[in-house]
């Protein structure tokens, strides 16, 4: 996850009790990505893909040891080795509230803070009927499309959020 796209006010404390060797992904505020996760007194976990985790630590074999890796599996986090207990601690990014009240705090201004170019080019496109056939519309549309693609990519890259992508030798 690209940390420049998120502000400190989007960070939330992570404290989840494990159940059956998994920890539930936070639901409030809406989870966007993991910044850091660890078990009390242990080193931070490294993010890997679910496939890498399962290849290294097949489920059901009861692998023992201190968890070093974490992967997201739908609405849960899974660990390798898998037999963990206690609480998963750390920090995650949460989606702020929608813009409903201009008097609300900065969290309500999510797009303005995190995607100002998207707002700029979208505004220019919406102003086109008032500008009457401005030849720059194609330039604005192209820039807007690039910003939309970039913005969407930020939220689809969650599988690699947290630590840098880490390849596990098999």
Protein backbone atom coordinates (compact mmCIF):
# COMPACT_ATOMS: atom_id res chain seq x y z
CA UNK A 1 0.00 0.00 0.00
CA UNK A 2 1.34 3.38 -0.95
CA UNK A 3 1.66 5.27 2.36
CA UNK A 4 1.63 8.68 0.63
CA UNK A 5 -2.03 8.15 -0.18
CA UNK A 6 -3.09 7.87 3.44
CA UNK A 7 -3.00 10.34 6.29
CA UNK A 8 -2.37 9.70 10.00
CA UNK A 9 -6.05 10.35 10.78
CA UNK A 10 -6.88 7.20 8.79
CA UNK A 11 -4.82 5.02 11.14
CA UNK A 12 -6.66 2.86 13.66
CA UNK A 13 -5.42 0.63 16.45
CA UNK A 14 -5.59 -3.07 15.73
CA UNK A 15 -6.35 -5.40 18.63
CA UNK A 16 -8.04 -8.66 17.66
CA UNK A 17 -8.23 -11.86 19.71
CA UNK A 18 -7.43 -14.97 17.73
CA UNK A 19 -10.04 -17.66 17.29
CA UNK A 20 -9.13 -21.00 15.67
CA UNK A 21 -5.73 -19.63 14.59
CA UNK A 22 -7.24 -16.71 12.65
CA UNK A 23 -7.97 -13.06 13.43
CA UNK A 24 -10.94 -11.20 11.99
CA UNK A 25 -10.22 -8.27 9.68
CA UNK A 26 -11.56 -5.08 11.28
CA UNK A 27 -14.91 -3.88 9.98
CA UNK A 28 -15.22 -0.48 11.63
CA UNK A 29 -14.07 1.83 10.23
CA UNK A 30 -14.00 0.02 6.91
CA UNK A 31 -10.64 -1.73 6.57
CA UNK A 32 -8.39 -0.51 3.74
CA UNK A 33 -5.01 -2.03 4.56
CA UNK A 34 -2.61 -3.22 7.19
CA UNK A 35 0.18 -0.88 8.25
CA UNK A 36 1.83 -3.14 10.83
CA UNK A 37 0.82 -6.23 12.80
CA UNK A 38 2.53 -8.20 15.57
CA UNK A 39 1.92 -10.39 18.58
CA UNK A 40 2.82 -8.89 21.96
CA UNK A 41 6.57 -8.96 22.50
CA UNK A 42 7.29 -10.39 19.03
CA UNK A 43 8.75 -8.96 15.82
CA UNK A 44 6.37 -7.42 13.27
CA UNK A 45 4.79 -9.93 10.91
CA UNK A 46 5.74 -9.93 7.23
CA UNK A 47 2.93 -9.79 4.65
CA UNK A 48 2.86 -12.60 2.10
CA UNK A 49 0.20 -13.78 -0.28
CA UNK A 50 -2.19 -16.46 0.90
CA UNK A 51 -0.70 -18.86 -1.66
CA UNK A 52 2.81 -18.32 -0.27
CA UNK A 53 1.58 -18.86 3.28
CA UNK A 54 -0.23 -22.10 2.40
CA UNK A 55 2.76 -23.40 0.43
CA UNK A 56 5.11 -22.84 3.33
CA UNK A 57 2.68 -23.76 6.12
CA UNK A 58 -0.06 -26.12 4.88
CA UNK A 59 -3.20 -25.82 6.98
CA UNK A 60 -4.14 -28.58 9.39
CA UNK A 61 -0.62 -29.81 10.04
CA UNK A 62 -0.41 -27.90 13.30
CA UNK A 63 2.92 -26.23 12.53
CA UNK A 64 4.42 -24.85 15.72
CA UNK A 65 6.62 -21.84 16.31
CA UNK A 66 6.37 -18.09 16.51
CA UNK A 67 4.34 -16.56 13.70
CA UNK A 68 6.50 -14.67 11.22
CA UNK A 69 4.05 -14.22 8.35
CA UNK A 70 0.51 -12.93 7.88
CA UNK A 71 -1.83 -13.17 4.90
CA UNK A 72 -5.38 -12.06 4.36
CA UNK A 73 -7.96 -14.71 3.55
CA UNK A 74 -11.25 -12.91 2.89
CA UNK A 75 -12.46 -11.52 6.21
CA UNK A 76 -9.66 -13.14 8.25
CA UNK A 77 -5.92 -12.90 8.76
CA UNK A 78 -4.03 -16.20 8.82
CA UNK A 79 -0.54 -16.82 10.14
CA UNK A 80 2.49 -18.97 9.52
CA UNK A 81 3.23 -21.03 11.54
CA UNK A 82 -0.45 -21.42 12.32
CA UNK A 83 -0.74 -22.41 16.00
CA UNK A 84 -0.94 -18.95 17.54
CA UNK A 85 -2.84 -17.62 20.49
CA UNK A 86 -3.39 -14.27 22.10
CA UNK A 87 -4.12 -10.92 20.51
CA UNK A 88 -3.02 -9.56 17.16
CA UNK A 89 -1.89 -5.97 17.69
CA UNK A 90 -0.84 -3.20 15.33
CA UNK A 91 -2.18 -0.44 13.12
CA UNK A 92 -4.43 -0.48 10.07
CA UNK A 93 -5.83 2.09 7.67
CA UNK A 94 -9.58 2.62 7.83
CA UNK A 95 -11.83 4.37 5.35
CA UNK A 96 -13.08 7.64 6.82
CA UNK A 97 -16.67 8.75 6.86
CA UNK A 98 -18.25 10.09 3.69
CA UNK A 99 -18.47 13.83 3.15
CA UNK A 100 -21.83 14.69 4.68
CA UNK A 101 -21.19 17.67 6.88
CA UNK A 102 -18.76 20.41 5.92
CA UNK A 103 -18.29 21.23 9.59
CA UNK A 104 -16.99 17.70 10.25
CA UNK A 105 -13.32 16.96 10.83
CA UNK A 106 -10.69 16.32 8.14
CA UNK A 107 -11.67 12.65 7.86
CA UNK A 108 -14.80 13.76 5.98
CA UNK A 109 -12.69 15.29 3.22
CA UNK A 110 -11.22 12.01 2.02
CA UNK A 111 -11.09 12.69 -1.72
CA UNK A 112 -9.83 16.25 -1.39
CA UNK A 113 -6.94 15.11 0.81
CA UNK A 114 -6.12 11.80 -0.89
CA UNK A 115 -6.95 12.40 -4.54
CA UNK A 116 -6.82 16.14 -5.26
CA UNK A 117 -5.99 15.64 -8.96
CA UNK A 118 -9.01 13.37 -9.35
CA UNK A 119 -11.20 16.13 -7.90
CA UNK A 120 -9.56 18.78 -10.08
CA UNK A 121 -9.98 16.97 -13.39
CA UNK A 122 -13.47 15.78 -12.48
CA UNK A 123 -14.45 19.38 -11.72
CA UNK A 124 -13.01 20.59 -15.01
CA UNK A 125 -15.00 17.97 -16.91
CA UNK A 126 -18.17 18.95 -15.11
CA UNK A 127 -17.52 22.61 -15.98
CA UNK A 128 -17.32 21.83 -19.72
CA UNK A 129 -20.95 22.79 -20.50
CA UNK A 130 -20.24 26.26 -19.10
CA UNK A 131 -16.95 26.61 -21.00
CA UNK A 132 -18.61 25.87 -24.37
CA UNK A 133 -16.44 23.55 -26.47
CA UNK A 134 -13.09 24.14 -24.80
CA UNK A 135 -10.43 22.22 -26.76
CA UNK A 136 -8.77 21.14 -23.50
CA UNK A 137 -11.65 18.79 -22.61
CA UNK A 138 -9.86 15.80 -24.20
CA UNK A 139 -6.76 16.59 -22.13
CA UNK A 140 -8.85 16.79 -18.95
CA UNK A 141 -10.69 13.56 -19.80
CA UNK A 142 -7.39 11.74 -20.34
CA UNK A 143 -5.96 13.08 -17.08
CA UNK A 144 -9.18 12.23 -15.24
CA UNK A 145 -9.14 8.64 -16.55
CA UNK A 146 -5.53 8.22 -15.39
CA UNK A 147 -6.38 9.55 -11.93
CA UNK A 148 -9.43 7.26 -11.62
CA UNK A 149 -7.29 4.24 -12.56
CA UNK A 150 -4.61 5.26 -10.06
CA UNK A 151 -7.18 5.83 -7.31
CA UNK A 152 -8.84 2.45 -7.89
CA UNK A 153 -5.46 0.71 -7.89
CA UNK A 154 -4.74 2.06 -4.40
CA UNK A 155 -7.69 0.13 -3.03
CA UNK A 156 -7.19 -3.06 -4.99
CA UNK A 157 -3.57 -3.42 -3.86
CA UNK A 158 -4.55 -4.31 -0.28
CA UNK A 159 -3.30 -7.87 -0.69
CA UNK A 160 0.23 -6.45 -0.52
CA UNK A 161 -0.37 -3.79 2.13
CA UNK A 162 1.71 -3.51 5.26
CA UNK A 163 5.27 -4.63 4.86
CA UNK A 164 6.88 -4.68 1.46
CA UNK A 165 6.03 -7.73 -0.64
CA UNK A 166 8.06 -10.61 0.67
CA UNK A 167 8.90 -13.69 -1.38
CA UNK A 168 9.26 -16.89 0.55
CA UNK A 169 11.71 -19.48 -0.80
CA UNK A 170 10.02 -22.85 -1.10
